[in-house]
């Protein structure tokens, strides 16, 4: 499959972030690759889109915003320095790095790195 233009890869990831912040999980799911999708973070791993979208929609109530501090694009790979604004028992800003691979105009891979301490208190972790 041909690589897409870097700005196009970043645009797909931006549309995904906007869908998450807008709690539009149907739109977010439509941006994910139907074959070979994979998601990894310190608190969860998914290979099935339905399971991932259900998980993200469950977290949706605590997500209030995603600040994009910096983006780096290398072909199909898009790397963001982010701050997730969430509301747990109090407002929390979580710094994170997200690596996303876009193939054929859809997100095939997401890896998010962050300090999971506060979130491990809320979610059962492997």
PDB file of N, CA and C in Angstrom:
ATOM      1  N   UNK A   1       0.845  -1.179   0.000  1.00  0.00           N
ATOM      2  CA  UNK A   1       0.000   0.000   0.000  1.00  0.00           C
ATOM      3  C   UNK A   1       0.889   1.241   0.000  1.00  0.00           C
ATOM      4  N   UNK A   2       0.532   2.207  -0.803  1.00  0.00           N
ATOM      5  CA  UNK A   2       1.327   3.429  -0.899  1.00  0.00           C
ATOM      6  C   UNK A   2       1.217   4.265   0.360  1.00  0.00           C
ATOM      7  N   UNK A   3       2.298   4.923   0.703  1.00  0.00           N
ATOM      8  CA  UNK A   3       2.289   5.845   1.846  1.00  0.00           C
ATOM      9  C   UNK A   3       1.494   7.087   1.472  1.00  0.00           C
ATOM     10  N   UNK A   4       0.774   7.635   2.460  1.00  0.00           N
ATOM     11  CA  UNK A   4       0.040   8.872   2.209  1.00  0.00           C
ATOM     12  C   UNK A   4       0.938  10.053   2.557  1.00  0.00           C
ATOM     13  N   UNK A   5       0.550  11.235   2.144  1.00  0.00           N
ATOM     14  CA  UNK A   5       1.329  12.431   2.427  1.00  0.00           C
ATOM     15  C   UNK A   5       1.357  12.693   3.932  1.00  0.00           C
ATOM     16  N   UNK A   6       2.485  13.159   4.478  1.00  0.00           N
ATOM     17  CA  UNK A   6       2.594  13.388   5.917  1.00  0.00           C
ATOM     18  C   UNK A   6       1.498  14.279   6.481  1.00  0.00           C
ATOM     19  N   UNK A   7       1.148  15.346   5.760  1.00  0.00           N
ATOM     20  CA  UNK A   7       0.102  16.217   6.276  1.00  0.00           C
ATOM     21  C   UNK A   7      -1.241  15.493   6.322  1.00  0.00           C
ATOM     22  N   UNK A   8      -1.451  14.555   5.405  1.00  0.00           N
ATOM     23  CA  UNK A   8      -2.678  13.758   5.411  1.00  0.00           C
ATOM     24  C   UNK A   8      -2.699  12.820   6.618  1.00  0.00           C
ATOM     25  N   UNK A   9      -1.563  12.219   6.956  1.00  0.00           N
ATOM     26  CA  UNK A   9      -1.491  11.342   8.128  1.00  0.00           C
ATOM     27  C   UNK A   9      -1.806  12.134   9.392  1.00  0.00           C
ATOM     28  N   UNK A  10      -1.216  13.310   9.524  1.00  0.00           N
ATOM     29  CA  UNK A  10      -1.475  14.153  10.693  1.00  0.00           C
ATOM     30  C   UNK A  10      -2.934  14.578  10.739  1.00  0.00           C
ATOM     31  N   UNK A  11      -3.539  14.850   9.586  1.00  0.00           N
ATOM     32  CA  UNK A  11      -4.949  15.252   9.541  1.00  0.00           C
ATOM     33  C   UNK A  11      -5.864  14.131  10.026  1.00  0.00           C
ATOM     34  N   UNK A  12      -5.527  12.891   9.705  1.00  0.00           N
ATOM     35  CA  UNK A  12      -6.319  11.752  10.182  1.00  0.00           C
ATOM     36  C   UNK A  12      -6.250  11.670  11.711  1.00  0.00           C
ATOM     37  N   UNK A  13      -5.063  11.842  12.258  1.00  0.00           N
ATOM     38  CA  UNK A  13      -4.901  11.777  13.719  1.00  0.00           C
ATOM     39  C   UNK A  13      -5.627  12.952  14.377  1.00  0.00           C
ATOM     40  N   UNK A  14      -5.551  14.132  13.796  1.00  0.00           N
ATOM     41  CA  UNK A  14      -6.281  15.291  14.335  1.00  0.00           C
ATOM     42  C   UNK A  14      -7.781  15.041  14.337  1.00  0.00           C
ATOM     43  N   UNK A  15      -8.294  14.464  13.263  1.00  0.00           N
ATOM     44  CA  UNK A  15      -9.723  14.143  13.192  1.00  0.00           C
ATOM     45  C   UNK A  15     -10.098  13.135  14.279  1.00  0.00           C
ATOM     46  N   UNK A  16      -9.211  12.183  14.543  1.00  0.00           N
ATOM     47  CA  UNK A  16      -9.429  11.194  15.611  1.00  0.00           C
ATOM     48  C   UNK A  16      -9.480  11.884  16.976  1.00  0.00           C
ATOM     49  N   UNK A  17      -8.513  12.767  17.263  1.00  0.00           N
ATOM     50  CA  UNK A  17      -8.524  13.509  18.534  1.00  0.00           C
ATOM     51  C   UNK A  17      -9.807  14.329  18.672  1.00  0.00           C
ATOM     52  N   UNK A  18     -10.200  15.008  17.595  1.00  0.00           N
ATOM     53  CA  UNK A  18     -11.418  15.814  17.636  1.00  0.00           C
ATOM     54  C   UNK A  18     -12.651  14.953  17.907  1.00  0.00           C
ATOM     55  N   UNK A  19     -12.691  13.771  17.319  1.00  0.00           N
ATOM     56  CA  UNK A  19     -13.813  12.856  17.558  1.00  0.00           C
ATOM     57  C   UNK A  19     -13.841  12.419  19.029  1.00  0.00           C
ATOM     58  N   UNK A  20     -12.675  12.113  19.593  1.00  0.00           N
ATOM     59  CA  UNK A  20     -12.636  11.706  21.004  1.00  0.00           C
ATOM     60  C   UNK A  20     -13.107  12.827  21.920  1.00  0.00           C
ATOM     61  N   UNK A  21     -12.587  14.026  21.718  1.00  0.00           N
ATOM     62  CA  UNK A  21     -12.962  15.158  22.562  1.00  0.00           C
ATOM     63  C   UNK A  21     -14.447  15.487  22.380  1.00  0.00           C
ATOM     64  N   UNK A  22     -14.965  15.299  21.176  1.00  0.00           N
ATOM     65  CA  UNK A  22     -16.375  15.541  20.903  1.00  0.00           C
ATOM     66  C   UNK A  22     -17.274  14.380  21.287  1.00  0.00           C
ATOM     67  N   UNK A  23     -16.689  13.336  21.849  1.00  0.00           N
ATOM     68  CA  UNK A  23     -17.420  12.122  22.257  1.00  0.00           C
ATOM     69  C   UNK A  23     -18.181  11.511  21.077  1.00  0.00           C
ATOM     70  N   UNK A  24     -17.595  11.608  19.883  1.00  0.00           N
ATOM     71  CA  UNK A  24     -18.164  11.038  18.670  1.00  0.00           C
ATOM     72  C   UNK A  24     -17.405   9.743  18.368  1.00  0.00           C
ATOM     73  N   UNK A  25     -17.768   8.683  19.060  1.00  0.00           N
ATOM     74  CA  UNK A  25     -17.033   7.425  18.974  1.00  0.00           C
ATOM     75  C   UNK A  25     -17.281   6.698  17.658  1.00  0.00           C
ATOM     76  N   UNK A  26     -18.406   6.956  17.036  1.00  0.00           N
ATOM     77  CA  UNK A  26     -18.668   6.386  15.716  1.00  0.00           C
ATOM     78  C   UNK A  26     -17.677   6.965  14.698  1.00  0.00           C
ATOM     79  N   UNK A  27     -17.462   8.271  14.773  1.00  0.00           N
ATOM     80  CA  UNK A  27     -16.484   8.922  13.885  1.00  0.00           C
ATOM     81  C   UNK A  27     -15.070   8.430  14.187  1.00  0.00           C
ATOM     82  N   UNK A  28     -14.737   8.317  15.469  1.00  0.00           N
ATOM     83  CA  UNK A  28     -13.409   7.809  15.851  1.00  0.00           C
ATOM     84  C   UNK A  28     -13.199   6.406  15.292  1.00  0.00           C
ATOM     85  N   UNK A  29     -14.206   5.546  15.418  1.00  0.00           N
ATOM     86  CA  UNK A  29     -14.096   4.177  14.917  1.00  0.00           C
ATOM     87  C   UNK A  29     -13.914   4.146  13.407  1.00  0.00           C
ATOM     88  N   UNK A  30     -14.562   5.072  12.700  1.00  0.00           N
ATOM     89  CA  UNK A  30     -14.463   5.119  11.242  1.00  0.00           C
ATOM     90  C   UNK A  30     -13.061   5.496  10.774  1.00  0.00           C
ATOM     91  N   UNK A  31     -12.258   6.079  11.667  1.00  0.00           N
ATOM     92  CA  UNK A  31     -10.888   6.469  11.330  1.00  0.00           C
ATOM     93  C   UNK A  31      -9.871   5.357  11.616  1.00  0.00           C
ATOM     94  N   UNK A  32     -10.325   4.244  12.162  1.00  0.00           N
ATOM     95  CA  UNK A  32      -9.434   3.137  12.518  1.00  0.00           C
ATOM     96  C   UNK A  32      -9.412   2.080  11.429  1.00  0.00           C
ATOM     97  N   UNK A  33      -8.250   1.478  11.217  1.00  0.00           N
ATOM     98  CA  UNK A  33      -8.087   0.428  10.207  1.00  0.00           C
ATOM     99  C   UNK A  33      -8.902  -0.794  10.595  1.00  0.00           C
ATOM    100  N   UNK A  34      -9.634  -1.329   9.650  1.00  0.00           N
ATOM    101  CA  UNK A  34     -10.470  -2.498   9.941  1.00  0.00           C
ATOM    102  C   UNK A  34      -9.665  -3.790   9.966  1.00  0.00           C
ATOM    103  N   UNK A  35      -8.457  -3.739   9.455  1.00  0.00           N
ATOM    104  CA  UNK A  35      -7.608  -4.941   9.439  1.00  0.00           C
ATOM    105  C   UNK A  35      -6.277  -4.629  10.111  1.00  0.00           C
ATOM    106  N   UNK A  36      -5.945  -5.363  11.157  1.00  0.00           N
ATOM    107  CA  UNK A  36      -4.645  -5.228  11.806  1.00  0.00           C
ATOM    108  C   UNK A  36      -4.538  -4.108  12.816  1.00  0.00           C
ATOM    109  N   UNK A  37      -5.647  -3.550  13.269  1.00  0.00           N
ATOM    110  CA  UNK A  37      -5.603  -2.464  14.247  1.00  0.00           C
ATOM    111  C   UNK A  37      -4.978  -2.948  15.557  1.00  0.00           C
ATOM    112  N   UNK A  38      -4.199  -2.043  16.189  1.00  0.00           N
ATOM    113  CA  UNK A  38      -3.589  -2.355  17.486  1.00  0.00           C
ATOM    114  C   UNK A  38      -3.461  -1.072  18.303  1.00  0.00           C
ATOM    115  N   UNK A  39      -3.778  -1.169  19.593  1.00  0.00           N
ATOM    116  CA  UNK A  39      -3.652  -0.058  20.545  1.00  0.00           C
ATOM    117  C   UNK A  39      -2.932  -0.567  21.782  1.00  0.00           C
ATOM    118  N   UNK A  40      -1.977   0.234  22.278  1.00  0.00           N
ATOM    119  CA  UNK A  40      -1.253  -0.119  23.498  1.00  0.00           C
ATOM    120  C   UNK A  40      -1.050   1.119  24.357  1.00  0.00           C
ATOM    121  N   UNK A  41      -1.275   0.964  25.661  1.00  0.00           N
ATOM    122  CA  UNK A  41      -0.971   2.016  26.630  1.00  0.00           C
ATOM    123  C   UNK A  41      -0.542   1.318  27.918  1.00  0.00           C
ATOM    124  N   UNK A  42      -0.121   2.077  28.914  1.00  0.00           N
ATOM    125  CA  UNK A  42       0.270   1.431  30.173  1.00  0.00           C
ATOM    126  C   UNK A  42      -0.891   0.745  30.896  1.00  0.00           C
ATOM    127  N   UNK A  43      -2.138   1.052  30.509  1.00  0.00           N
ATOM    128  CA  UNK A  43      -3.268   0.447  31.223  1.00  0.00           C
ATOM    129  C   UNK A  43      -4.164  -0.417  30.348  1.00  0.00           C
ATOM    130  N   UNK A  44      -3.930  -0.489  29.039  1.00  0.00           N
ATOM    131  CA  UNK A  44      -4.812  -1.282  28.177  1.00  0.00           C
ATOM    132  C   UNK A  44      -4.135  -1.641  26.860  1.00  0.00           C
ATOM    133  N   UNK A  45      -4.597  -2.754  26.277  1.00  0.00           N
ATOM    134  CA  UNK A  45      -4.152  -3.198  24.957  1.00  0.00           C
ATOM    135  C   UNK A  45      -5.361  -3.749  24.222  1.00  0.00           C
ATOM    136  N   UNK A  46      -5.466  -3.395  22.934  1.00  0.00           N
ATOM    137  CA  UNK A  46      -6.590  -3.859  22.123  1.00  0.00           C
ATOM    138  C   UNK A  46      -6.128  -4.184  20.716  1.00  0.00           C
ATOM    139  N   UNK A  47      -6.782  -5.180  20.130  1.00  0.00           N
ATOM    140  CA  UNK A  47      -6.602  -5.490  18.717  1.00  0.00           C
ATOM    141  C   UNK A  47      -7.950  -5.480  17.999  1.00  0.00           C
ATOM    142  N   UNK A  48      -9.034  -5.406  18.761  1.00  0.00           N
ATOM    143  CA  UNK A  48     -10.382  -5.347  18.168  1.00  0.00           C
ATOM    144  C   UNK A  48     -10.934  -3.931  18.308  1.00  0.00           C
ATOM    145  N   UNK A  49     -11.352  -3.357  17.182  1.00  0.00           N
ATOM    146  CA  UNK A  49     -11.870  -1.991  17.181  1.00  0.00           C
ATOM    147  C   UNK A  49     -13.075  -1.861  18.105  1.00  0.00           C
ATOM    148  N   UNK A  50     -14.004  -2.797  18.056  1.00  0.00           N
ATOM    149  CA  UNK A  50     -15.208  -2.706  18.893  1.00  0.00           C
ATOM    150  C   UNK A  50     -14.855  -2.627  20.367  1.00  0.00           C
ATOM    151  N   UNK A  51     -13.907  -3.455  20.800  1.00  0.00           N
ATOM    152  CA  UNK A  51     -13.489  -3.429  22.211  1.00  0.00           C
ATOM    153  C   UNK A  51     -12.829  -2.104  22.558  1.00  0.00           C
ATOM    154  N   UNK A  52     -11.987  -1.620  21.659  1.00  0.00           N
ATOM    155  CA  UNK A  52     -11.300  -0.347  21.889  1.00  0.00           C
ATOM    156  C   UNK A  52     -12.291   0.813  21.972  1.00  0.00           C
ATOM    157  N   UNK A  53     -13.231   0.870  21.050  1.00  0.00           N
ATOM    158  CA  UNK A  53     -14.206   1.965  21.040  1.00  0.00           C
ATOM    159  C   UNK A  53     -15.092   1.904  22.286  1.00  0.00           C
ATOM    160  N   UNK A  54     -15.464   0.715  22.700  1.00  0.00           N
ATOM    161  CA  UNK A  54     -16.246   0.577  23.939  1.00  0.00           C
ATOM    162  C   UNK A  54     -15.439   1.101  25.129  1.00  0.00           C
ATOM    163  N   UNK A  55     -14.176   0.770  25.180  1.00  0.00           N
ATOM    164  CA  UNK A  55     -13.277   1.244  26.242  1.00  0.00           C
ATOM    165  C   UNK A  55     -13.167   2.766  26.217  1.00  0.00           C
ATOM    166  N   UNK A  56     -12.927   3.332  25.024  1.00  0.00           N
ATOM    167  CA  UNK A  56     -12.781   4.785  24.905  1.00  0.00           C
ATOM    168  C   UNK A  56     -14.081   5.506  25.255  1.00  0.00           C
ATOM    169  N   UNK A  57     -15.211   4.949  24.863  1.00  0.00           N
ATOM    170  CA  UNK A  57     -16.482   5.594  25.198  1.00  0.00           C
ATOM    171  C   UNK A  57     -16.736   5.526  26.697  1.00  0.00           C
ATOM    172  N   UNK A  58     -16.249   4.483  27.351  1.00  0.00           N
ATOM    173  CA  UNK A  58     -16.352   4.396  28.809  1.00  0.00           C
ATOM    174  C   UNK A  58     -15.508   5.453  29.500  1.00  0.00           C
ATOM    175  N   UNK A  59     -14.379   5.792  28.903  1.00  0.00           N
ATOM    176  CA  UNK A  59     -13.513   6.841  29.446  1.00  0.00           C
ATOM    177  C   UNK A  59     -13.974   8.239  29.062  1.00  0.00           C
ATOM    178  N   UNK A  60     -14.859   8.318  28.087  1.00  0.00           N
ATOM    179  CA  UNK A  60     -15.274   9.592  27.537  1.00  0.00           C
ATOM    180  C   UNK A  60     -15.768  10.593  28.563  1.00  0.00           C
ATOM    181  N   UNK A  61     -16.419  10.108  29.594  1.00  0.00           N
ATOM    182  CA  UNK A  61     -16.949  11.012  30.603  1.00  0.00           C
ATOM    183  C   UNK A  61     -15.881  11.772  31.370  1.00  0.00           C
ATOM    184  N   UNK A  62     -14.679  11.225  31.428  1.00  0.00           N
ATOM    185  CA  UNK A  62     -13.620  11.918  32.173  1.00  0.00           C
ATOM    186  C   UNK A  62     -12.740  12.788  31.278  1.00  0.00           C
ATOM    187  N   UNK A  63     -12.823  12.597  29.942  1.00  0.00           N
ATOM    188  CA  UNK A  63     -11.986  13.364  29.013  1.00  0.00           C
ATOM    189  C   UNK A  63     -12.628  14.715  28.709  1.00  0.00           C
ATOM    190  N   UNK A  64     -11.915  15.785  29.026  1.00  0.00           N
ATOM    191  CA  UNK A  64     -12.421  17.137  28.784  1.00  0.00           C
ATOM    192  C   UNK A  64     -11.649  17.869  27.697  1.00  0.00           C
ATOM    193  N   UNK A  65     -10.481  17.373  27.333  1.00  0.00           N
ATOM    194  CA  UNK A  65      -9.720  18.025  26.280  1.00  0.00           C
ATOM    195  C   UNK A  65      -8.401  17.337  26.025  1.00  0.00           C
ATOM    196  N   UNK A  66      -7.845  17.602  24.855  1.00  0.00           N
ATOM    197  CA  UNK A  66      -6.523  17.103  24.491  1.00  0.00           C
ATOM    198  C   UNK A  66      -5.728  18.284  23.943  1.00  0.00           C
ATOM    199  N   UNK A  67      -4.750  18.726  24.705  1.00  0.00           N
ATOM    200  CA  UNK A  67      -3.868  19.797  24.246  1.00  0.00           C
ATOM    201  C   UNK A  67      -2.756  19.167  23.419  1.00  0.00           C
ATOM    202  N   UNK A  68      -2.605  19.652  22.180  1.00  0.00           N
ATOM    203  CA  UNK A  68      -1.533  19.178  21.308  1.00  0.00           C
ATOM    204  C   UNK A  68      -0.383  20.165  21.448  1.00  0.00           C
ATOM    205  N   UNK A  69       0.657  19.760  22.169  1.00  0.00           N
ATOM    206  CA  UNK A  69       1.802  20.656  22.377  1.00  0.00           C
ATOM    207  C   UNK A  69       2.776  20.640  21.213  1.00  0.00           C
ATOM    208  N   UNK A  70       2.955  19.469  20.621  1.00  0.00           N
ATOM    209  CA  UNK A  70       3.942  19.348  19.535  1.00  0.00           C
ATOM    210  C   UNK A  70       3.581  18.128  18.708  1.00  0.00           C
ATOM    211  N   UNK A  71       3.829  18.194  17.418  1.00  0.00           N
ATOM    212  CA  UNK A  71       3.602  17.049  16.545  1.00  0.00           C
ATOM    213  C   UNK A  71       4.814  16.874  15.635  1.00  0.00           C
ATOM    214  N   UNK A  72       5.182  15.628  15.431  1.00  0.00           N
ATOM    215  CA  UNK A  72       6.275  15.261  14.540  1.00  0.00           C
ATOM    216  C   UNK A  72       5.724  14.216  13.572  1.00  0.00           C
ATOM    217  N   UNK A  73       5.984  14.410  12.296  1.00  0.00           N
ATOM    218  CA  UNK A  73       5.466  13.499  11.283  1.00  0.00           C
ATOM    219  C   UNK A  73       6.628  12.947  10.469  1.00  0.00           C
ATOM    220  N   UNK A  74       6.629  11.631  10.287  1.00  0.00           N
ATOM    221  CA  UNK A  74       7.632  10.950   9.470  1.00  0.00           C
ATOM    222  C   UNK A  74       6.885   9.928   8.608  1.00  0.00           C
ATOM    223  N   UNK A  75       6.483  10.345   7.422  1.00  0.00           N
ATOM    224  CA  UNK A  75       5.713   9.456   6.547  1.00  0.00           C
ATOM    225  C   UNK A  75       4.363   9.136   7.159  1.00  0.00           C
ATOM    226  N   UNK A  76       4.132   7.855   7.392  1.00  0.00           N
ATOM    227  CA  UNK A  76       2.872   7.390   7.971  1.00  0.00           C
ATOM    228  C   UNK A  76       2.846   7.490   9.493  1.00  0.00           C
ATOM    229  N   UNK A  77       3.977   7.814  10.096  1.00  0.00           N
ATOM    230  CA  UNK A  77       4.078   7.880  11.556  1.00  0.00           C
ATOM    231  C   UNK A  77       3.874   9.308  12.041  1.00  0.00           C
ATOM    232  N   UNK A  78       2.985   9.448  13.028  1.00  0.00           N
ATOM    233  CA  UNK A  78       2.683  10.749  13.614  1.00  0.00           C
ATOM    234  C   UNK A  78       2.896  10.625  15.119  1.00  0.00           C
ATOM    235  N   UNK A  79       3.733  11.498  15.657  1.00  0.00           N
ATOM    236  CA  UNK A  79       4.034  11.468  17.091  1.00  0.00           C
ATOM    237  C   UNK A  79       3.624  12.801  17.705  1.00  0.00           C
ATOM    238  N   UNK A  80       2.813  12.720  18.756  1.00  0.00           N
ATOM    239  CA  UNK A  80       2.328  13.910  19.458  1.00  0.00           C
ATOM    240  C   UNK A  80       2.845  13.955  20.890  1.00  0.00           C
ATOM    241  N   UNK A  81       3.194  15.138  21.334  1.00  0.00           N
ATOM    242  CA  UNK A  81       3.398  15.445  22.751  1.00  0.00           C
ATOM    243  C   UNK A  81       2.067  16.070  23.172  1.00  0.00           C
ATOM    244  N   UNK A  82       1.372  15.432  24.117  1.00  0.00           N
ATOM    245  CA  UNK A  82       0.000  15.801  24.468  1.00  0.00           C
ATOM    246  C   UNK A  82      -0.153  16.092  25.944  1.00  0.00           C
ATOM    247  N   UNK A  83      -1.238  16.758  26.266  1.00  0.00           N
ATOM    248  CA  UNK A  83      -1.714  16.846  27.640  1.00  0.00           C
ATOM    249  C   UNK A  83      -3.195  16.490  27.599  1.00  0.00           C
ATOM    250  N   UNK A  84      -3.535  15.377  28.252  1.00  0.00           N
ATOM    251  CA  UNK A  84      -4.931  14.963  28.368  1.00  0.00           C
ATOM    252  C   UNK A  84      -5.521  15.652  29.589  1.00  0.00           C
ATOM    253  N   UNK A  85      -6.609  16.394  29.379  1.00  0.00           N
ATOM    254  CA  UNK A  85      -7.313  17.047  30.476  1.00  0.00           C
ATOM    255  C   UNK A  85      -8.479  16.146  30.878  1.00  0.00           C
ATOM    256  N   UNK A  86      -8.409  15.629  32.082  1.00  0.00           N
ATOM    257  CA  UNK A  86      -9.449  14.724  32.561  1.00  0.00           C
ATOM    258  C   UNK A  86      -9.984  15.188  33.910  1.00  0.00           C
ATOM    259  N   UNK A  87     -11.146  14.673  34.248  1.00  0.00           N
ATOM    260  CA  UNK A  87     -11.758  14.958  35.544  1.00  0.00           C
ATOM    261  C   UNK A  87     -11.983  13.616  36.220  1.00  0.00           C
ATOM    262  N   UNK A  88     -11.151  13.335  37.200  1.00  0.00           N
ATOM    263  CA  UNK A  88     -11.354  12.143  38.016  1.00  0.00           C
ATOM    264  C   UNK A  88     -12.115  12.645  39.244  1.00  0.00           C
ATOM    265  N   UNK A  89     -11.557  12.516  40.428  1.00  0.00           N
ATOM    266  CA  UNK A  89     -12.165  13.163  41.584  1.00  0.00           C
ATOM    267  C   UNK A  89     -11.824  14.648  41.576  1.00  0.00           C
ATOM    268  N   UNK A  90     -10.779  14.995  40.845  1.00  0.00           N
ATOM    269  CA  UNK A  90     -10.359  16.390  40.654  1.00  0.00           C
ATOM    270  C   UNK A  90      -9.873  16.532  39.221  1.00  0.00           C
ATOM    271  N   UNK A  91      -9.683  17.735  38.765  1.00  0.00           N
ATOM    272  CA  UNK A  91      -9.171  17.981  37.415  1.00  0.00           C
ATOM    273  C   UNK A  91      -7.713  17.533  37.356  1.00  0.00           C
ATOM    274  N   UNK A  92      -7.370  16.758  36.342  1.00  0.00           N
ATOM    275  CA  UNK A  92      -6.024  16.207  36.203  1.00  0.00           C
ATOM    276  C   UNK A  92      -5.518  16.482  34.788  1.00  0.00           C
ATOM    277  N   UNK A  93      -4.287  16.958  34.695  1.00  0.00           N
ATOM    278  CA  UNK A  93      -3.597  17.114  33.415  1.00  0.00           C
ATOM    279  C   UNK A  93      -2.531  16.037  33.341  1.00  0.00           C
ATOM    280  N   UNK A  94      -2.616  15.192  32.320  1.00  0.00           N
ATOM    281  CA  UNK A  94      -1.672  14.090  32.169  1.00  0.00           C
ATOM    282  C   UNK A  94      -0.858  14.292  30.909  1.00  0.00           C
ATOM    283  N   UNK A  95       0.444  14.442  31.071  1.00  0.00           N
ATOM    284  CA  UNK A  95       1.344  14.549  29.915  1.00  0.00           C
ATOM    285  C   UNK A  95       1.517  13.167  29.305  1.00  0.00           C
ATOM    286  N   UNK A  96       1.516  13.133  27.984  1.00  0.00           N
ATOM    287  CA  UNK A  96       1.619  11.859  27.285  1.00  0.00           C
ATOM    288  C   UNK A  96       2.295  12.055  25.938  1.00  0.00           C
ATOM    289  N   UNK A  97       2.814  10.959  25.430  1.00  0.00           N
ATOM    290  CA  UNK A  97       3.322  10.903  24.065  1.00  0.00           C
ATOM    291  C   UNK A  97       2.510   9.829  23.359  1.00  0.00           C
ATOM    292  N   UNK A  98       2.040  10.161  22.167  1.00  0.00           N
ATOM    293  CA  UNK A  98       1.289   9.185  21.378  1.00  0.00           C
ATOM    294  C   UNK A  98       1.942   9.027  20.020  1.00  0.00           C
ATOM    295  N   UNK A  99       2.236   7.766  19.679  1.00  0.00           N
ATOM    296  CA  UNK A  99       2.749   7.414  18.362  1.00  0.00           C
ATOM    297  C   UNK A  99       1.605   6.749  17.616  1.00  0.00           C
ATOM    298  N   UNK A 100       1.302   7.271  16.454  1.00  0.00           N
ATOM    299  CA  UNK A 100       0.210   6.741  15.641  1.00  0.00           C
ATOM    300  C   UNK A 100       0.741   6.433  14.252  1.00  0.00           C
ATOM    301  N   UNK A 101       0.341   5.287  13.716  1.00  0.00           N
ATOM    302  CA  UNK A 101       0.704   4.943  12.337  1.00  0.00           C
ATOM    303  C   UNK A 101      -0.581   4.942  11.510  1.00  0.00           C
ATOM    304  N   UNK A 102      -0.575   5.707  10.432  1.00  0.00           N
ATOM    305  CA  UNK A 102      -1.719   5.819   9.536  1.00  0.00           C
ATOM    306  C   UNK A 102      -1.372   5.093   8.243  1.00  0.00           C
ATOM    307  N   UNK A 103      -2.206   4.133   7.876  1.00  0.00           N
ATOM    308  CA  UNK A 103      -1.984   3.366   6.649  1.00  0.00           C
ATOM    309  C   UNK A 103      -3.269   3.415   5.822  1.00  0.00           C
ATOM    310  N   UNK A 104      -3.143   3.853   4.595  1.00  0.00           N
ATOM    311  CA  UNK A 104      -4.304   3.922   3.715  1.00  0.00           C
ATOM    312  C   UNK A 104      -5.382   4.866   4.220  1.00  0.00           C
ATOM    313  N   UNK A 105      -4.976   5.917   4.925  1.00  0.00           N
ATOM    314  CA  UNK A 105      -5.932   6.902   5.399  1.00  0.00           C
ATOM    315  C   UNK A 105      -6.643   6.540   6.687  1.00  0.00           C
ATOM    316  N   UNK A 106      -6.226   5.442   7.313  1.00  0.00           N
ATOM    317  CA  UNK A 106      -6.834   5.016   8.583  1.00  0.00           C
ATOM    318  C   UNK A 106      -5.753   4.693   9.607  1.00  0.00           C
ATOM    319  N   UNK A 107      -6.107   4.829  10.857  1.00  0.00           N
ATOM    320  CA  UNK A 107      -5.165   4.578  11.949  1.00  0.00           C
ATOM    321  C   UNK A 107      -5.045   3.070  12.182  1.00  0.00           C
ATOM    322  N   UNK A 108      -3.840   2.546  11.997  1.00  0.00           N
ATOM    323  CA  UNK A 108      -3.589   1.123  12.167  1.00  0.00           C
ATOM    324  C   UNK A 108      -2.983   0.804  13.531  1.00  0.00           C
ATOM    325  N   UNK A 109      -2.280   1.775  14.116  1.00  0.00           N
ATOM    326  CA  UNK A 109      -1.549   1.516  15.354  1.00  0.00           C
ATOM    327  C   UNK A 109      -1.517   2.775  16.194  1.00  0.00           C
ATOM    328  N   UNK A 110      -1.767   2.617  17.488  1.00  0.00           N
ATOM    329  CA  UNK A 110      -1.643   3.705  18.452  1.00  0.00           C
ATOM    330  C   UNK A 110      -0.889   3.166  19.659  1.00  0.00           C
ATOM    331  N   UNK A 111       0.164   3.864  20.049  1.00  0.00           N
ATOM    332  CA  UNK A 111       0.841   3.561  21.312  1.00  0.00           C
ATOM    333  C   UNK A 111       0.911   4.863  22.099  1.00  0.00           C
ATOM    334  N   UNK A 112       0.400   4.818  23.329  1.00  0.00           N
ATOM    335  CA  UNK A 112       0.379   5.991  24.189  1.00  0.00           C
ATOM    336  C   UNK A 112       1.235   5.694  25.418  1.00  0.00           C
ATOM    337  N   UNK A 113       2.144   6.613  25.744  1.00  0.00           N
ATOM    338  CA  UNK A 113       2.995   6.480  26.915  1.00  0.00           C
ATOM    339  C   UNK A 113       2.683   7.617  27.883  1.00  0.00           C
ATOM    340  N   UNK A 114       2.425   7.273  29.148  1.00  0.00           N
ATOM    341  CA  UNK A 114       2.152   8.260  30.191  1.00  0.00           C
ATOM    342  C   UNK A 114       2.326   7.585  31.538  1.00  0.00           C
ATOM    343  N   UNK A 115       2.397   8.387  32.602  1.00  0.00           N
ATOM    344  CA  UNK A 115       2.466   7.852  33.952  1.00  0.00           C
ATOM    345  C   UNK A 115       1.058   7.409  34.347  1.00  0.00           C
ATOM    346  N   UNK A 116       0.834   6.116  34.509  1.00  0.00           N
ATOM    347  CA  UNK A 116      -0.516   5.620  34.736  1.00  0.00           C
ATOM    348  C   UNK A 116      -0.969   5.596  36.196  1.00  0.00           C
ATOM    349  N   UNK A 117      -0.180   6.162  37.103  1.00  0.00           N
ATOM    350  CA  UNK A 117      -0.457   6.009  38.527  1.00  0.00           C
ATOM    351  C   UNK A 117      -1.919   6.313  38.887  1.00  0.00           C
ATOM    352  N   UNK A 118      -2.411   7.493  38.557  1.00  0.00           N
ATOM    353  CA  UNK A 118      -3.789   7.867  38.922  1.00  0.00           C
ATOM    354  C   UNK A 118      -4.818   6.967  38.259  1.00  0.00           C
ATOM    355  N   UNK A 119      -4.545   6.534  37.047  1.00  0.00           N
ATOM    356  CA  UNK A 119      -5.498   5.729  36.303  1.00  0.00           C
ATOM    357  C   UNK A 119      -5.511   4.279  36.782  1.00  0.00           C
ATOM    358  N   UNK A 120      -4.384   3.792  37.257  1.00  0.00           N
ATOM    359  CA  UNK A 120      -4.338   2.428  37.794  1.00  0.00           C
ATOM    360  C   UNK A 120      -5.245   2.294  39.019  1.00  0.00           C
ATOM    361  N   UNK A 121      -5.499   3.377  39.695  1.00  0.00           N
ATOM    362  CA  UNK A 121      -6.401   3.342  40.837  1.00  0.00           C
ATOM    363  C   UNK A 121      -7.850   3.133  40.390  1.00  0.00           C
ATOM    364  N   UNK A 122      -8.169   3.522  39.165  1.00  0.00           N
ATOM    365  CA  UNK A 122      -9.531   3.425  38.657  1.00  0.00           C
ATOM    366  C   UNK A 122      -9.795   2.161  37.861  1.00  0.00           C
ATOM    367  N   UNK A 123      -8.771   1.646  37.175  1.00  0.00           N
ATOM    368  CA  UNK A 123      -8.972   0.556  36.232  1.00  0.00           C
ATOM    369  C   UNK A 123      -8.163  -0.669  36.630  1.00  0.00           C
ATOM    370  N   UNK A 124      -8.752  -1.828  36.374  1.00  0.00           N
ATOM    371  CA  UNK A 124      -8.043  -3.076  36.587  1.00  0.00           C
ATOM    372  C   UNK A 124      -6.983  -3.204  35.498  1.00  0.00           C
ATOM    373  N   UNK A 125      -5.747  -3.400  35.877  1.00  0.00           N
ATOM    374  CA  UNK A 125      -4.645  -3.445  34.928  1.00  0.00           C
ATOM    375  C   UNK A 125      -4.018  -4.839  34.974  1.00  0.00           C
ATOM    376  N   UNK A 126      -3.646  -5.341  33.777  1.00  0.00           N
ATOM    377  CA  UNK A 126      -2.998  -6.674  33.678  1.00  0.00           C
ATOM    378  C   UNK A 126      -1.756  -6.738  34.527  1.00  0.00           C
TER     379      UNK A 126
END
